[in-house]
N, C-alpha and C. Protein backbone atom coordinates (compact mmCIF):
# COMPACT_ATOMS: atom_id res chain seq x y z
N MET A 1 23.63 5.13 -6.89
CA MET A 1 22.82 6.05 -6.08
C MET A 1 23.19 5.92 -4.61
N SER A 2 23.28 7.05 -3.92
CA SER A 2 23.65 7.04 -2.51
C SER A 2 22.47 6.70 -1.61
N LEU A 3 22.79 6.32 -0.37
CA LEU A 3 21.76 6.03 0.60
C LEU A 3 20.96 7.29 0.93
N LYS A 4 21.60 8.44 0.87
CA LYS A 4 20.92 9.70 1.14
C LYS A 4 19.83 9.97 0.11
N LYS A 5 20.15 9.74 -1.17
CA LYS A 5 19.15 9.96 -2.22
C LYS A 5 18.00 8.95 -2.09
N ALA A 6 18.33 7.71 -1.75
CA ALA A 6 17.28 6.71 -1.53
C ALA A 6 16.41 7.13 -0.36
N GLY A 7 17.03 7.69 0.67
CA GLY A 7 16.29 8.16 1.83
C GLY A 7 15.33 9.30 1.48
N ILE A 8 15.75 10.16 0.57
CA ILE A 8 14.89 11.27 0.13
C ILE A 8 13.65 10.72 -0.57
N ILE A 9 13.85 9.71 -1.43
CA ILE A 9 12.72 9.07 -2.12
C ILE A 9 11.76 8.48 -1.10
N ILE A 10 12.30 7.78 -0.12
CA ILE A 10 11.48 7.15 0.92
C ILE A 10 10.71 8.20 1.71
N PHE A 11 11.39 9.28 2.09
CA PHE A 11 10.75 10.33 2.88
C PHE A 11 9.60 10.98 2.11
N ILE A 12 9.82 11.30 0.84
CA ILE A 12 8.78 11.96 0.04
C ILE A 12 7.55 11.07 -0.09
N ILE A 13 7.76 9.78 -0.38
CA ILE A 13 6.64 8.85 -0.54
C ILE A 13 5.89 8.69 0.77
N LEU A 14 6.64 8.53 1.88
CA LEU A 14 5.99 8.40 3.18
C LEU A 14 5.19 9.64 3.54
N LEU A 15 5.73 10.81 3.23
CA LEU A 15 5.04 12.06 3.52
C LEU A 15 3.73 12.15 2.75
N ILE A 16 3.78 11.91 1.44
CA ILE A 16 2.57 11.98 0.62
C ILE A 16 1.56 10.92 1.06
N ASP A 17 2.06 9.72 1.33
CA ASP A 17 1.20 8.62 1.75
C ASP A 17 0.47 8.94 3.04
N GLN A 18 1.20 9.37 4.05
CA GLN A 18 0.59 9.61 5.35
C GLN A 18 -0.29 10.86 5.37
N VAL A 19 0.12 11.90 4.66
CA VAL A 19 -0.73 13.11 4.58
C VAL A 19 -2.06 12.77 3.92
N SER A 20 -2.01 11.99 2.82
CA SER A 20 -3.24 11.62 2.12
C SER A 20 -4.14 10.75 2.99
N LYS A 21 -3.54 9.82 3.74
CA LYS A 21 -4.33 8.93 4.59
C LYS A 21 -4.95 9.68 5.77
N ILE A 22 -4.17 10.55 6.40
CA ILE A 22 -4.70 11.32 7.53
C ILE A 22 -5.81 12.27 7.06
N TYR A 23 -5.63 12.85 5.88
CA TYR A 23 -6.67 13.73 5.34
C TYR A 23 -7.96 12.96 5.11
N ILE A 24 -7.86 11.79 4.47
CA ILE A 24 -9.04 10.97 4.21
C ILE A 24 -9.68 10.54 5.52
N LYS A 25 -8.87 10.07 6.44
CA LYS A 25 -9.39 9.56 7.72
C LYS A 25 -10.11 10.64 8.51
N THR A 26 -9.66 11.90 8.42
CA THR A 26 -10.24 12.98 9.21
C THR A 26 -11.22 13.85 8.43
N ASN A 27 -11.53 13.46 7.20
CA ASN A 27 -12.49 14.24 6.41
C ASN A 27 -13.58 13.38 5.75
N PHE A 28 -13.42 12.06 5.77
CA PHE A 28 -14.36 11.15 5.14
C PHE A 28 -14.86 10.14 6.16
N ALA A 29 -16.14 9.82 6.09
CA ALA A 29 -16.65 8.65 6.81
C ALA A 29 -16.42 7.43 5.93
N LEU A 30 -16.36 6.26 6.53
CA LEU A 30 -16.11 5.04 5.76
C LEU A 30 -17.16 4.88 4.67
N GLY A 31 -16.71 4.70 3.42
CA GLY A 31 -17.62 4.54 2.30
C GLY A 31 -17.90 5.82 1.55
N ASP A 32 -17.50 6.97 2.08
CA ASP A 32 -17.69 8.24 1.38
C ASP A 32 -16.90 8.23 0.08
N GLU A 33 -17.46 8.87 -0.93
CA GLU A 33 -16.85 8.82 -2.26
C GLU A 33 -16.96 10.17 -2.96
N VAL A 34 -15.90 10.55 -3.66
CA VAL A 34 -15.89 11.77 -4.46
C VAL A 34 -15.49 11.39 -5.88
N GLU A 35 -16.29 11.73 -6.86
CA GLU A 35 -15.99 11.40 -8.25
C GLU A 35 -15.13 12.51 -8.85
N VAL A 36 -13.90 12.18 -9.22
CA VAL A 36 -12.99 13.13 -9.85
C VAL A 36 -13.21 13.11 -11.36
N PHE A 37 -13.20 11.92 -11.93
CA PHE A 37 -13.54 11.67 -13.33
C PHE A 37 -14.43 10.44 -13.37
N ASP A 38 -14.98 10.11 -14.53
CA ASP A 38 -15.77 8.89 -14.65
C ASP A 38 -14.95 7.66 -14.29
N TRP A 39 -13.66 7.72 -14.57
CA TRP A 39 -12.79 6.57 -14.39
C TRP A 39 -11.91 6.67 -13.14
N PHE A 40 -12.06 7.73 -12.35
CA PHE A 40 -11.24 7.88 -11.14
C PHE A 40 -12.07 8.50 -10.02
N ARG A 41 -12.06 7.83 -8.86
CA ARG A 41 -12.80 8.31 -7.70
C ARG A 41 -11.95 8.19 -6.44
N ILE A 42 -12.25 9.07 -5.49
CA ILE A 42 -11.69 8.95 -4.15
C ILE A 42 -12.74 8.22 -3.31
N LEU A 43 -12.42 7.02 -2.88
CA LEU A 43 -13.36 6.18 -2.14
C LEU A 43 -12.67 5.69 -0.88
N PHE A 44 -13.20 6.05 0.28
CA PHE A 44 -12.57 5.69 1.54
C PHE A 44 -12.99 4.29 1.99
N VAL A 45 -12.03 3.39 2.00
CA VAL A 45 -12.24 2.05 2.55
C VAL A 45 -11.06 1.75 3.46
N GLU A 46 -11.22 0.74 4.31
CA GLU A 46 -10.13 0.31 5.19
C GLU A 46 -9.87 -1.17 4.97
N ASN A 47 -8.61 -1.50 4.91
CA ASN A 47 -8.18 -2.87 4.68
C ASN A 47 -7.68 -3.45 6.01
N GLU A 48 -8.37 -4.47 6.50
CA GLU A 48 -8.00 -5.07 7.78
C GLU A 48 -6.92 -6.13 7.65
N GLY A 49 -6.63 -6.54 6.43
CA GLY A 49 -5.70 -7.65 6.28
C GLY A 49 -4.65 -7.41 5.23
N MET A 50 -4.47 -8.40 4.35
CA MET A 50 -3.42 -8.36 3.35
C MET A 50 -3.93 -7.68 2.09
N ALA A 51 -3.15 -7.80 1.03
CA ALA A 51 -3.53 -7.22 -0.24
C ALA A 51 -4.85 -7.81 -0.73
N TRP A 52 -5.62 -7.00 -1.45
CA TRP A 52 -6.92 -7.41 -2.00
C TRP A 52 -7.94 -7.74 -0.91
N GLY A 53 -7.68 -7.27 0.33
CA GLY A 53 -8.65 -7.45 1.41
C GLY A 53 -8.64 -8.82 2.06
N ALA A 54 -7.67 -9.67 1.70
CA ALA A 54 -7.59 -10.99 2.32
C ALA A 54 -7.23 -10.86 3.79
N LYS A 55 -7.63 -11.82 4.58
CA LYS A 55 -7.38 -11.78 6.02
C LYS A 55 -6.78 -13.10 6.49
N ILE A 56 -6.00 -13.00 7.57
CA ILE A 56 -5.52 -14.20 8.25
C ILE A 56 -6.54 -14.52 9.33
N PRO A 57 -7.17 -15.68 9.29
CA PRO A 57 -8.21 -16.00 10.27
C PRO A 57 -7.65 -16.19 11.67
N GLY A 58 -8.54 -16.10 12.65
CA GLY A 58 -8.15 -16.35 14.03
C GLY A 58 -7.96 -15.07 14.83
N GLN A 59 -7.93 -15.22 16.14
CA GLN A 59 -7.84 -14.09 17.05
C GLN A 59 -6.54 -13.31 16.88
N TYR A 60 -5.47 -14.01 16.56
CA TYR A 60 -4.17 -13.36 16.46
C TYR A 60 -3.71 -13.19 15.01
N GLY A 61 -4.62 -13.33 14.06
CA GLY A 61 -4.26 -13.21 12.66
C GLY A 61 -3.70 -11.85 12.31
N LYS A 62 -4.38 -10.79 12.76
CA LYS A 62 -3.95 -9.43 12.46
C LYS A 62 -2.60 -9.14 13.09
N LEU A 63 -2.40 -9.59 14.33
CA LEU A 63 -1.13 -9.38 15.02
C LEU A 63 0.00 -10.09 14.28
N ALA A 64 -0.26 -11.33 13.84
CA ALA A 64 0.76 -12.09 13.11
C ALA A 64 1.14 -11.39 11.81
N LEU A 65 0.12 -10.83 11.12
CA LEU A 65 0.38 -10.13 9.87
C LEU A 65 1.23 -8.90 10.10
N THR A 66 0.92 -8.12 11.13
CA THR A 66 1.67 -6.90 11.41
C THR A 66 3.12 -7.23 11.79
N LEU A 67 3.30 -8.27 12.61
CA LEU A 67 4.65 -8.66 13.00
C LEU A 67 5.44 -9.17 11.79
N PHE A 68 4.75 -9.86 10.88
CA PHE A 68 5.41 -10.32 9.66
C PHE A 68 5.85 -9.13 8.82
N ARG A 69 4.99 -8.11 8.73
CA ARG A 69 5.34 -6.91 7.97
C ARG A 69 6.55 -6.21 8.57
N LEU A 70 6.61 -6.16 9.90
CA LEU A 70 7.75 -5.52 10.56
C LEU A 70 9.04 -6.28 10.26
N ALA A 71 8.98 -7.60 10.28
CA ALA A 71 10.15 -8.41 9.95
C ALA A 71 10.55 -8.20 8.49
N ALA A 72 9.54 -8.10 7.61
CA ALA A 72 9.82 -7.91 6.19
C ALA A 72 10.49 -6.57 5.92
N ILE A 73 10.05 -5.52 6.64
CA ILE A 73 10.62 -4.20 6.40
C ILE A 73 12.09 -4.15 6.83
N VAL A 74 12.43 -4.93 7.86
CA VAL A 74 13.83 -5.02 8.27
C VAL A 74 14.65 -5.67 7.15
N GLY A 75 14.10 -6.74 6.57
CA GLY A 75 14.78 -7.41 5.47
C GLY A 75 14.95 -6.52 4.25
N ILE A 76 13.90 -5.76 3.92
CA ILE A 76 13.98 -4.85 2.77
C ILE A 76 14.98 -3.74 3.03
N GLY A 77 14.99 -3.25 4.28
CA GLY A 77 15.95 -2.22 4.65
C GLY A 77 17.38 -2.69 4.52
N TYR A 78 17.63 -3.93 4.94
CA TYR A 78 18.99 -4.49 4.78
C TYR A 78 19.34 -4.64 3.30
N TRP A 79 18.37 -5.08 2.50
CA TRP A 79 18.59 -5.22 1.05
C TRP A 79 18.97 -3.88 0.44
N LEU A 80 18.30 -2.83 0.86
CA LEU A 80 18.60 -1.49 0.35
C LEU A 80 20.01 -1.07 0.75
N TRP A 81 20.33 -1.22 2.03
CA TRP A 81 21.66 -0.84 2.52
C TRP A 81 22.76 -1.64 1.82
N ASP A 82 22.56 -2.94 1.66
CA ASP A 82 23.55 -3.79 1.01
C ASP A 82 23.72 -3.44 -0.46
N SER A 83 22.62 -3.08 -1.13
CA SER A 83 22.69 -2.71 -2.54
C SER A 83 23.46 -1.41 -2.73
N VAL A 84 23.26 -0.45 -1.82
CA VAL A 84 24.00 0.80 -1.90
C VAL A 84 25.48 0.55 -1.62
N ARG A 85 25.76 -0.26 -0.61
CA ARG A 85 27.15 -0.58 -0.24
C ARG A 85 27.90 -1.23 -1.39
N ASN A 86 27.19 -2.11 -2.12
CA ASN A 86 27.81 -2.82 -3.24
C ASN A 86 27.65 -2.09 -4.57
N LYS A 87 27.29 -0.80 -4.47
CA LYS A 87 27.15 0.06 -5.66
C LYS A 87 26.20 -0.55 -6.70
N GLY A 88 25.02 -0.94 -6.23
CA GLY A 88 24.01 -1.47 -7.13
C GLY A 88 23.54 -0.42 -8.11
N SER A 89 22.88 -0.85 -9.15
CA SER A 89 22.41 0.07 -10.19
C SER A 89 21.37 1.04 -9.65
N ARG A 90 21.22 2.17 -10.33
CA ARG A 90 20.23 3.17 -9.93
C ARG A 90 18.82 2.59 -9.97
N VAL A 91 18.55 1.76 -10.96
CA VAL A 91 17.23 1.14 -11.07
C VAL A 91 16.95 0.25 -9.86
N LEU A 92 17.94 -0.54 -9.48
CA LEU A 92 17.76 -1.45 -8.35
C LEU A 92 17.50 -0.68 -7.06
N ILE A 93 18.33 0.31 -6.78
CA ILE A 93 18.21 1.05 -5.53
C ILE A 93 16.91 1.85 -5.49
N THR A 94 16.54 2.45 -6.62
CA THR A 94 15.27 3.19 -6.69
C THR A 94 14.10 2.25 -6.43
N SER A 95 14.14 1.07 -7.03
CA SER A 95 13.06 0.10 -6.87
C SER A 95 12.93 -0.35 -5.42
N ILE A 96 14.06 -0.66 -4.78
CA ILE A 96 14.02 -1.10 -3.39
C ILE A 96 13.52 0.03 -2.50
N ALA A 97 13.94 1.26 -2.78
CA ALA A 97 13.49 2.41 -1.99
C ALA A 97 11.98 2.57 -2.09
N LEU A 98 11.43 2.39 -3.29
CA LEU A 98 9.99 2.48 -3.48
C LEU A 98 9.25 1.38 -2.71
N ILE A 99 9.77 0.16 -2.80
CA ILE A 99 9.15 -0.97 -2.09
C ILE A 99 9.23 -0.75 -0.58
N PHE A 100 10.39 -0.29 -0.10
CA PHE A 100 10.56 -0.03 1.33
C PHE A 100 9.59 1.03 1.82
N ALA A 101 9.50 2.14 1.07
CA ALA A 101 8.60 3.23 1.46
C ALA A 101 7.15 2.77 1.49
N GLY A 102 6.75 2.01 0.48
CA GLY A 102 5.37 1.52 0.44
C GLY A 102 5.06 0.58 1.58
N ALA A 103 5.97 -0.34 1.84
CA ALA A 103 5.75 -1.29 2.94
C ALA A 103 5.72 -0.56 4.28
N PHE A 104 6.62 0.40 4.45
CA PHE A 104 6.69 1.15 5.70
C PHE A 104 5.42 2.00 5.90
N GLY A 105 4.93 2.59 4.79
CA GLY A 105 3.72 3.40 4.88
C GLY A 105 2.53 2.62 5.39
N ASN A 106 2.36 1.40 4.90
CA ASN A 106 1.23 0.56 5.35
C ASN A 106 1.47 0.01 6.76
N ILE A 107 2.73 -0.19 7.13
CA ILE A 107 3.04 -0.65 8.48
C ILE A 107 2.64 0.41 9.51
N ILE A 108 2.86 1.69 9.18
CA ILE A 108 2.46 2.77 10.09
C ILE A 108 0.97 2.65 10.42
N ASP A 109 0.15 2.43 9.39
CA ASP A 109 -1.29 2.26 9.61
C ASP A 109 -1.56 1.09 10.55
N SER A 110 -0.94 -0.04 10.24
CA SER A 110 -1.20 -1.27 11.00
C SER A 110 -0.76 -1.15 12.46
N VAL A 111 0.32 -0.44 12.69
CA VAL A 111 0.87 -0.36 14.05
C VAL A 111 0.16 0.67 14.92
N ILE A 112 -0.07 1.89 14.39
CA ILE A 112 -0.55 2.96 15.28
C ILE A 112 -1.93 3.54 14.99
N TYR A 113 -2.50 3.29 13.80
CA TYR A 113 -3.77 3.94 13.48
C TYR A 113 -4.89 3.53 14.44
N GLY A 114 -4.81 2.32 14.96
CA GLY A 114 -5.84 1.85 15.89
C GLY A 114 -5.87 2.61 17.19
N ILE A 115 -4.75 3.25 17.54
CA ILE A 115 -4.70 3.99 18.81
C ILE A 115 -4.76 5.50 18.63
N ILE A 116 -4.53 6.01 17.42
CA ILE A 116 -4.56 7.47 17.23
C ILE A 116 -5.84 7.96 16.57
N PHE A 117 -6.68 7.04 16.07
CA PHE A 117 -7.97 7.42 15.47
C PHE A 117 -9.09 6.61 16.11
N ASN A 118 -10.28 7.21 16.20
CA ASN A 118 -11.47 6.40 16.51
C ASN A 118 -12.04 5.89 15.19
N ASP A 119 -13.10 5.08 15.27
CA ASP A 119 -13.56 4.42 14.05
C ASP A 119 -14.28 5.40 13.11
N SER A 120 -14.43 4.96 11.87
CA SER A 120 -15.01 5.81 10.82
C SER A 120 -16.39 5.35 10.37
N TYR A 121 -17.01 4.44 11.11
CA TYR A 121 -18.32 3.93 10.73
C TYR A 121 -19.40 4.98 11.01
N GLY A 122 -19.97 5.54 9.95
CA GLY A 122 -21.04 6.52 10.09
C GLY A 122 -20.60 7.84 10.66
N GLN A 123 -19.29 8.07 10.72
CA GLN A 123 -18.79 9.33 11.26
C GLN A 123 -17.40 9.61 10.71
N ILE A 124 -16.96 10.85 10.86
CA ILE A 124 -15.60 11.22 10.50
C ILE A 124 -14.73 11.02 11.73
N ALA A 125 -13.65 10.30 11.58
CA ALA A 125 -12.79 9.97 12.71
C ALA A 125 -12.08 11.20 13.27
N SER A 126 -11.75 11.13 14.53
CA SER A 126 -10.99 12.18 15.19
C SER A 126 -9.56 11.71 15.41
N PHE A 127 -8.63 12.65 15.34
CA PHE A 127 -7.22 12.36 15.60
C PHE A 127 -6.96 12.48 17.10
N LEU A 128 -6.37 11.46 17.69
CA LEU A 128 -6.11 11.38 19.13
C LEU A 128 -7.38 11.68 19.95
N PRO A 129 -8.43 10.88 19.76
CA PRO A 129 -9.68 11.10 20.50
C PRO A 129 -9.51 10.87 21.99
N GLU A 130 -10.25 11.63 22.79
CA GLU A 130 -10.14 11.52 24.24
C GLU A 130 -10.57 10.14 24.74
N ALA A 131 -11.54 9.56 24.07
CA ALA A 131 -12.04 8.25 24.50
C ALA A 131 -11.15 7.10 24.04
N GLY A 132 -10.12 7.41 23.31
CA GLY A 132 -9.22 6.36 22.83
C GLY A 132 -9.53 5.94 21.40
N GLY A 133 -8.63 5.17 20.82
CA GLY A 133 -8.78 4.76 19.44
C GLY A 133 -9.71 3.56 19.27
N TYR A 134 -9.86 3.13 18.01
CA TYR A 134 -10.77 2.02 17.72
C TYR A 134 -10.13 0.66 17.96
N GLY A 135 -8.83 0.64 18.21
CA GLY A 135 -8.16 -0.64 18.41
C GLY A 135 -6.97 -0.49 19.33
N THR A 136 -6.06 -1.43 19.23
CA THR A 136 -4.85 -1.40 20.04
C THR A 136 -3.63 -1.37 19.13
N ILE A 137 -2.46 -1.20 19.71
CA ILE A 137 -1.25 -1.18 18.92
C ILE A 137 -1.09 -2.50 18.16
N PHE A 138 -0.63 -2.41 16.92
CA PHE A 138 -0.47 -3.55 16.00
C PHE A 138 -1.79 -4.02 15.40
N HIS A 139 -2.91 -3.36 15.72
CA HIS A 139 -4.21 -3.79 15.19
C HIS A 139 -4.91 -2.69 14.39
N GLY A 140 -4.15 -1.81 13.80
CA GLY A 140 -4.73 -0.75 12.98
C GLY A 140 -5.15 -1.25 11.61
N LYS A 141 -6.00 -0.47 10.95
CA LYS A 141 -6.46 -0.80 9.61
C LYS A 141 -5.79 0.13 8.59
N VAL A 142 -5.45 -0.43 7.44
CA VAL A 142 -4.80 0.35 6.39
C VAL A 142 -5.84 1.17 5.64
N VAL A 143 -5.56 2.46 5.47
CA VAL A 143 -6.48 3.36 4.78
C VAL A 143 -6.23 3.32 3.28
N ASP A 144 -7.27 3.06 2.50
CA ASP A 144 -7.20 3.06 1.04
C ASP A 144 -8.19 4.08 0.49
N MET A 145 -7.84 4.67 -0.66
CA MET A 145 -8.74 5.70 -1.20
C MET A 145 -8.71 5.87 -2.72
N LEU A 146 -7.76 5.31 -3.41
CA LEU A 146 -7.64 5.48 -4.86
C LEU A 146 -8.41 4.39 -5.59
N TYR A 147 -9.40 4.80 -6.36
CA TYR A 147 -10.29 3.84 -7.02
C TYR A 147 -10.41 4.20 -8.49
N PHE A 148 -10.09 3.26 -9.38
CA PHE A 148 -10.11 3.49 -10.82
C PHE A 148 -11.06 2.51 -11.52
N PRO A 149 -12.37 2.76 -11.44
CA PRO A 149 -13.33 1.89 -12.16
C PRO A 149 -13.36 2.26 -13.65
N ILE A 150 -12.30 1.89 -14.36
CA ILE A 150 -12.13 2.31 -15.75
C ILE A 150 -13.24 1.78 -16.65
N TRP A 151 -13.68 0.55 -16.37
CA TRP A 151 -14.76 -0.03 -17.20
C TRP A 151 -15.68 -0.86 -16.32
N LYS A 152 -16.97 -0.68 -16.53
CA LYS A 152 -17.97 -1.50 -15.84
C LYS A 152 -18.97 -2.01 -16.86
N GLY A 153 -19.36 -3.25 -16.73
CA GLY A 153 -20.35 -3.80 -17.66
C GLY A 153 -20.44 -5.31 -17.54
N TYR A 154 -21.30 -5.87 -18.36
CA TYR A 154 -21.48 -7.33 -18.37
C TYR A 154 -20.52 -7.97 -19.37
N LEU A 155 -19.85 -9.01 -18.96
CA LEU A 155 -18.92 -9.70 -19.83
C LEU A 155 -19.67 -10.50 -20.88
N PRO A 156 -19.09 -10.64 -22.08
CA PRO A 156 -19.73 -11.43 -23.14
C PRO A 156 -20.00 -12.87 -22.68
N GLU A 157 -21.08 -13.42 -23.15
CA GLU A 157 -21.49 -14.77 -22.74
C GLU A 157 -20.47 -15.84 -23.13
N TRP A 158 -19.68 -15.57 -24.20
CA TRP A 158 -18.76 -16.61 -24.67
C TRP A 158 -17.52 -16.78 -23.80
N ILE A 159 -17.31 -15.87 -22.82
CA ILE A 159 -16.14 -16.00 -21.94
C ILE A 159 -16.39 -17.13 -20.93
N PRO A 160 -15.49 -18.11 -20.86
CA PRO A 160 -15.67 -19.24 -19.93
C PRO A 160 -15.76 -18.76 -18.48
N LEU A 161 -16.58 -19.41 -17.71
CA LEU A 161 -16.75 -19.20 -16.27
C LEU A 161 -17.41 -17.88 -15.91
N TRP A 162 -16.93 -16.76 -16.46
CA TRP A 162 -17.42 -15.45 -16.03
C TRP A 162 -18.35 -14.79 -17.06
N GLY A 163 -18.65 -15.48 -18.15
CA GLY A 163 -19.50 -14.92 -19.18
C GLY A 163 -20.86 -14.49 -18.65
N GLY A 164 -21.29 -13.27 -18.97
CA GLY A 164 -22.58 -12.76 -18.54
C GLY A 164 -22.58 -12.10 -17.17
N GLU A 165 -21.46 -12.19 -16.45
CA GLU A 165 -21.40 -11.59 -15.13
C GLU A 165 -21.00 -10.12 -15.21
N TYR A 166 -21.46 -9.34 -14.20
CA TYR A 166 -21.11 -7.92 -14.15
C TYR A 166 -19.67 -7.80 -13.65
N PHE A 167 -18.88 -6.97 -14.31
CA PHE A 167 -17.45 -6.91 -14.04
C PHE A 167 -16.98 -5.46 -14.01
N THR A 168 -16.07 -5.17 -13.07
CA THR A 168 -15.47 -3.84 -12.99
C THR A 168 -13.97 -3.95 -13.14
N PHE A 169 -13.43 -3.15 -14.03
CA PHE A 169 -11.97 -3.06 -14.19
C PHE A 169 -11.57 -1.58 -14.02
N PHE A 170 -10.94 -1.21 -12.98
CA PHE A 170 -10.10 -1.95 -12.06
C PHE A 170 -10.79 -1.92 -10.70
N GLU A 171 -11.07 -3.06 -10.07
CA GLU A 171 -11.89 -3.12 -8.87
C GLU A 171 -11.19 -2.73 -7.57
N PRO A 172 -9.94 -3.13 -7.33
CA PRO A 172 -9.32 -2.85 -6.03
C PRO A 172 -9.19 -1.35 -5.73
N VAL A 173 -9.32 -1.01 -4.45
CA VAL A 173 -9.06 0.35 -3.97
C VAL A 173 -7.72 0.30 -3.26
N PHE A 174 -6.84 1.26 -3.54
CA PHE A 174 -5.49 1.20 -2.99
C PHE A 174 -5.04 2.58 -2.51
N ASN A 175 -3.77 2.70 -2.14
CA ASN A 175 -3.25 3.96 -1.63
C ASN A 175 -1.88 4.26 -2.24
N ILE A 176 -1.26 5.35 -1.80
CA ILE A 176 0.04 5.75 -2.35
C ILE A 176 1.11 4.70 -2.03
N ALA A 177 1.07 4.14 -0.84
CA ALA A 177 2.04 3.12 -0.46
C ALA A 177 1.94 1.91 -1.37
N ASP A 178 0.72 1.46 -1.65
CA ASP A 178 0.52 0.33 -2.56
C ASP A 178 1.09 0.65 -3.94
N SER A 179 0.86 1.90 -4.38
CA SER A 179 1.36 2.32 -5.70
C SER A 179 2.88 2.26 -5.75
N ALA A 180 3.53 2.71 -4.67
CA ALA A 180 4.99 2.70 -4.62
C ALA A 180 5.53 1.27 -4.71
N ILE A 181 4.90 0.36 -3.99
CA ILE A 181 5.32 -1.05 -4.04
C ILE A 181 5.15 -1.61 -5.45
N SER A 182 4.00 -1.34 -6.06
CA SER A 182 3.72 -1.85 -7.41
C SER A 182 4.71 -1.29 -8.43
N ILE A 183 5.02 0.01 -8.34
CA ILE A 183 5.97 0.62 -9.27
C ILE A 183 7.36 0.04 -9.07
N GLY A 184 7.74 -0.14 -7.79
CA GLY A 184 9.05 -0.72 -7.51
C GLY A 184 9.21 -2.11 -8.08
N VAL A 185 8.19 -2.95 -7.89
CA VAL A 185 8.23 -4.31 -8.43
C VAL A 185 8.23 -4.29 -9.95
N ALA A 186 7.42 -3.41 -10.54
CA ALA A 186 7.36 -3.29 -12.00
C ALA A 186 8.71 -2.89 -12.59
N LEU A 187 9.40 -1.96 -11.93
CA LEU A 187 10.72 -1.55 -12.40
C LEU A 187 11.70 -2.71 -12.39
N LEU A 188 11.64 -3.53 -11.34
CA LEU A 188 12.53 -4.70 -11.27
C LEU A 188 12.25 -5.70 -12.38
N LEU A 189 10.96 -5.84 -12.71
CA LEU A 189 10.60 -6.80 -13.76
C LEU A 189 10.94 -6.27 -15.15
N VAL A 190 10.61 -5.01 -15.41
CA VAL A 190 10.82 -4.43 -16.75
C VAL A 190 12.30 -4.19 -17.03
N PHE A 191 13.02 -3.70 -16.01
CA PHE A 191 14.44 -3.38 -16.20
C PHE A 191 15.32 -4.38 -15.44
N ASN A 192 14.97 -5.64 -15.55
CA ASN A 192 15.66 -6.70 -14.82
C ASN A 192 17.15 -6.74 -15.12
N LYS A 193 17.52 -6.58 -16.37
CA LYS A 193 18.93 -6.66 -16.76
C LYS A 193 19.74 -5.50 -16.21
N LYS A 194 19.10 -4.32 -16.12
CA LYS A 194 19.80 -3.17 -15.57
C LYS A 194 19.86 -3.26 -14.04
N ALA A 195 18.80 -3.82 -13.45
CA ALA A 195 18.75 -3.93 -12.00
C ALA A 195 19.74 -4.96 -11.48
N PHE A 196 19.91 -6.05 -12.23
CA PHE A 196 20.80 -7.13 -11.82
C PHE A 196 21.80 -7.44 -12.93
N PRO A 197 22.69 -6.50 -13.24
CA PRO A 197 23.63 -6.68 -14.37
C PRO A 197 24.56 -7.88 -14.21
N LYS A 198 25.04 -8.14 -12.99
CA LYS A 198 25.96 -9.26 -12.78
C LYS A 198 25.29 -10.59 -13.05
N THR A 199 24.05 -10.74 -12.57
CA THR A 199 23.29 -11.97 -12.79
C THR A 199 23.05 -12.18 -14.27
N SER A 200 22.73 -11.09 -14.98
CA SER A 200 22.45 -11.18 -16.41
C SER A 200 23.68 -11.59 -17.19
N GLU A 201 24.86 -11.04 -16.77
CA GLU A 201 26.10 -11.38 -17.47
C GLU A 201 26.46 -12.85 -17.27
N GLU A 202 26.23 -13.36 -16.07
CA GLU A 202 26.53 -14.77 -15.80
C GLU A 202 25.65 -15.67 -16.63
N ASP A 203 24.36 -15.23 -16.87
CA ASP A 203 23.47 -16.05 -17.67
C ASP A 203 23.91 -16.03 -19.13
């Protein structure tokens, strides 16, 4: 696969990701929810830290995370370029393109959303508000909206540790960028031999 085709994949994912996030940010207040099906809802939440809502503590935790993401995207970009140069498999290049697009999509939120939107607490945010954004550069929050509560209920008592507790599957709320990263990683795991044929042959 050529770098141009990988670029098209990245562009399409970034476009869908950012359009969906900007739409949610400018049409939903934080916590607003729309039920599409019993098992699928649009729920607006913001992620201030890492995956699953984890945070790096301290005054500069968010800045450190954003800078780490920027360094990581450079590394992923080099991996993509090197894989194309060395005529890597279609599966490998597609997977890296998906991971790159997803990482880049969330980096956009972290870097600039704090300065181009005001906050969404109890209100619908404005794009480029006159009074300024809710944060500063590198301190934006990632917009999430895809929620799949496929099953909710109390777990059987015989399950160790969590027996009898109320449980939701699938609990995390995510976005298009997260989906692209997950699909890219899944492709590498499922089609490992096709993604890394030389390594497989040596084994």
